[in-house]
Amino acid sequence: MKNLIVIGHPDKNSFCYNGIFKTIKNELEVKNEHLEIIDLYRDSFTRPRDKVIKKYQELVTWTDRIYIISPVWWFRLTPRMEIFFDEGF
């Protein structure tokens, strides 16, 4: 299986990053499955974003499974996760 993890939390010390993301990543590595990671807060989001958005679109069409990891703040996703959905699809 081809797996894509999209992590959308700015803080590497958060539960989203250290708990959920690392657990999923480790489990997929143990199963020796194909894995790609989109780390929205480590990628460059300066304008123009055409190159990074194109890369994301290619990964989304490549994958069989997508894991989306993001907190919900005040009924909204993180700003970069919203950009991922707004501009990526």
C-alpha atoms as a PDB file:
ATOM      1  CA  MET A   1       0.000   0.000   0.000  1.00  0.00           C
ATOM      2  CA  LYS A   2       1.103   3.549  -0.726  1.00  0.00           C
ATOM      3  CA  ASN A   3       0.497   5.855   2.237  1.00  0.00           C
ATOM      4  CA  LEU A   4       0.538   9.625   2.546  1.00  0.00           C
ATOM      5  CA  ILE A   5       0.623  11.405   5.888  1.00  0.00           C
ATOM      6  CA  VAL A   6      -0.303  15.092   5.924  1.00  0.00           C
ATOM      7  CA  ILE A   7       0.736  16.697   9.196  1.00  0.00           C
ATOM      8  CA  GLY A   8      -0.609  20.172   9.817  1.00  0.00           C
ATOM      9  CA  HIS A   9       0.578  21.273  13.248  1.00  0.00           C
ATOM     10  CA  PRO A  10       3.173  24.019  13.768  1.00  0.00           C
ATOM     11  CA  ASP A  11       4.513  22.671  17.088  1.00  0.00           C
ATOM     12  CA  LYS A  12       6.717  19.573  17.017  1.00  0.00           C
ATOM     13  CA  ASN A  13       6.098  19.141  20.761  1.00  0.00           C
ATOM     14  CA  SER A  14       2.326  18.775  20.296  1.00  0.00           C
ATOM     15  CA  PHE A  15       0.318  15.587  20.749  1.00  0.00           C
ATOM     16  CA  CYS A  16      -0.630  15.722  17.064  1.00  0.00           C
ATOM     17  CA  TYR A  17       3.032  15.579  16.102  1.00  0.00           C
ATOM     18  CA  ASN A  18       4.605  13.431  18.839  1.00  0.00           C
ATOM     19  CA  GLY A  19       1.630  11.186  19.507  1.00  0.00           C
ATOM     20  CA  ILE A  20      -0.534  10.677  16.451  1.00  0.00           C
ATOM     21  CA  PHE A  21       1.922  11.421  13.625  1.00  0.00           C
ATOM     22  CA  LYS A  22       4.837   9.453  15.042  1.00  0.00           C
ATOM     23  CA  THR A  23       2.620   6.476  15.932  1.00  0.00           C
ATOM     24  CA  ILE A  24       1.171   6.213  12.431  1.00  0.00           C
ATOM     25  CA  LYS A  25       4.601   6.725  10.849  1.00  0.00           C
ATOM     26  CA  ASN A  26       6.218   4.052  13.037  1.00  0.00           C
ATOM     27  CA  GLU A  27       3.425   1.537  12.401  1.00  0.00           C
ATOM     28  CA  LEU A  28       3.694   1.980   8.628  1.00  0.00           C
ATOM     29  CA  GLU A  29       7.483   1.654   8.762  1.00  0.00           C
ATOM     30  CA  VAL A  30       7.204  -1.563  10.807  1.00  0.00           C
ATOM     31  CA  LYS A  31       4.828  -2.966   8.170  1.00  0.00           C
ATOM     32  CA  ASN A  32       7.365  -1.895   5.525  1.00  0.00           C
ATOM     33  CA  GLU A  33       4.743   0.013   3.527  1.00  0.00           C
ATOM     34  CA  HIS A  34       5.485   2.831   1.091  1.00  0.00           C
ATOM     35  CA  LEU A  35       5.261   6.140   2.910  1.00  0.00           C
ATOM     36  CA  GLU A  36       5.408   9.790   1.905  1.00  0.00           C
ATOM     37  CA  ILE A  37       5.004  12.706   4.306  1.00  0.00           C
ATOM     38  CA  ILE A  38       3.737  16.220   3.737  1.00  0.00           C
ATOM     39  CA  ASP A  39       4.708  18.424   6.661  1.00  0.00           C
ATOM     40  CA  LEU A  40       2.830  21.641   6.014  1.00  0.00           C
ATOM     41  CA  TYR A  41       4.716  23.657   8.603  1.00  0.00           C
ATOM     42  CA  ARG A  42       8.178  22.550   7.434  1.00  0.00           C
ATOM     43  CA  ASP A  43       7.506  23.139   3.698  1.00  0.00           C
ATOM     44  CA  SER A  44       7.952  26.573   2.166  1.00  0.00           C
ATOM     45  CA  PHE A  45       4.613  28.329   1.774  1.00  0.00           C
ATOM     46  CA  THR A  46       5.878  31.598   0.356  1.00  0.00           C
ATOM     47  CA  ARG A  47       4.142  32.830  -2.739  1.00  0.00           C
ATOM     48  CA  PRO A  48       4.057  31.672  -5.430  1.00  0.00           C
ATOM     49  CA  ARG A  49       3.181  28.232  -4.083  1.00  0.00           C
ATOM     50  CA  ASP A  50       2.786  26.588  -7.482  1.00  0.00           C
ATOM     51  CA  LYS A  51       5.699  24.145  -7.083  1.00  0.00           C
ATOM     52  CA  VAL A  52       4.754  22.928  -3.628  1.00  0.00           C
ATOM     53  CA  ILE A  53       1.044  22.639  -4.542  1.00  0.00           C
ATOM     54  CA  LYS A  54       1.968  20.663  -7.683  1.00  0.00           C
ATOM     55  CA  LYS A  55       4.059  18.299  -5.529  1.00  0.00           C
ATOM     56  CA  TYR A  56       1.120  17.840  -3.146  1.00  0.00           C
ATOM     57  CA  GLN A  57      -1.274  17.091  -6.001  1.00  0.00           C
ATOM     58  CA  GLU A  58       1.102  14.456  -7.384  1.00  0.00           C
ATOM     59  CA  LEU A  59       1.382  12.792  -3.978  1.00  0.00           C
ATOM     60  CA  VAL A  60      -2.397  12.779  -3.480  1.00  0.00           C
ATOM     61  CA  THR A  61      -2.946  11.046  -6.839  1.00  0.00           C
ATOM     62  CA  TRP A  62      -0.091   8.600  -6.112  1.00  0.00           C
ATOM     63  CA  THR A  63      -1.355   7.380  -2.744  1.00  0.00           C
ATOM     64  CA  ASP A  64      -3.828   4.660  -1.797  1.00  0.00           C
ATOM     65  CA  ARG A  65      -4.393   6.008   1.741  1.00  0.00           C
ATOM     66  CA  ILE A  66      -4.206   9.511   3.204  1.00  0.00           C
ATOM     67  CA  TYR A  67      -3.795  10.226   6.906  1.00  0.00           C
ATOM     68  CA  ILE A  68      -4.658  13.817   7.788  1.00  0.00           C
ATOM     69  CA  ILE A  69      -3.400  14.975  11.167  1.00  0.00           C
ATOM     70  CA  SER A  70      -4.423  18.421  12.339  1.00  0.00           C
ATOM     71  CA  PRO A  71      -5.938  20.002  15.405  1.00  0.00           C
ATOM     72  CA  VAL A  72      -9.243  21.804  15.139  1.00  0.00           C
ATOM     73  CA  TRP A  73      -9.064  25.276  16.618  1.00  0.00           C
ATOM     74  CA  TRP A  74     -12.327  27.163  17.053  1.00  0.00           C
ATOM     75  CA  PHE A  75     -14.069  24.866  14.532  1.00  0.00           C
ATOM     76  CA  ARG A  76     -11.323  25.443  11.928  1.00  0.00           C
ATOM     77  CA  LEU A  77      -8.249  23.606  10.759  1.00  0.00           C
ATOM     78  CA  THR A  78      -4.806  25.151  11.004  1.00  0.00           C
ATOM     79  CA  PRO A  79      -4.173  27.865   8.389  1.00  0.00           C
ATOM     80  CA  ARG A  80      -1.784  25.762   6.319  1.00  0.00           C
ATOM     81  CA  MET A  81      -4.127  22.782   6.360  1.00  0.00           C
ATOM     82  CA  GLU A  82      -6.849  25.052   4.997  1.00  0.00           C
ATOM     83  CA  ILE A  83      -4.463  26.206   2.251  1.00  0.00           C
ATOM     84  CA  PHE A  84      -3.704  22.545   1.490  1.00  0.00           C
ATOM     85  CA  PHE A  85      -7.400  21.889   0.850  1.00  0.00           C
ATOM     86  CA  ASP A  86      -8.198  25.237  -0.798  1.00  0.00           C
ATOM     87  CA  GLU A  87      -5.286  25.370  -3.235  1.00  0.00           C
ATOM     88  CA  GLY A  88      -4.333  21.723  -3.507  1.00  0.00           C
ATOM     89  CA  PHE A  89      -7.593  20.384  -4.863  1.00  0.00           C
END
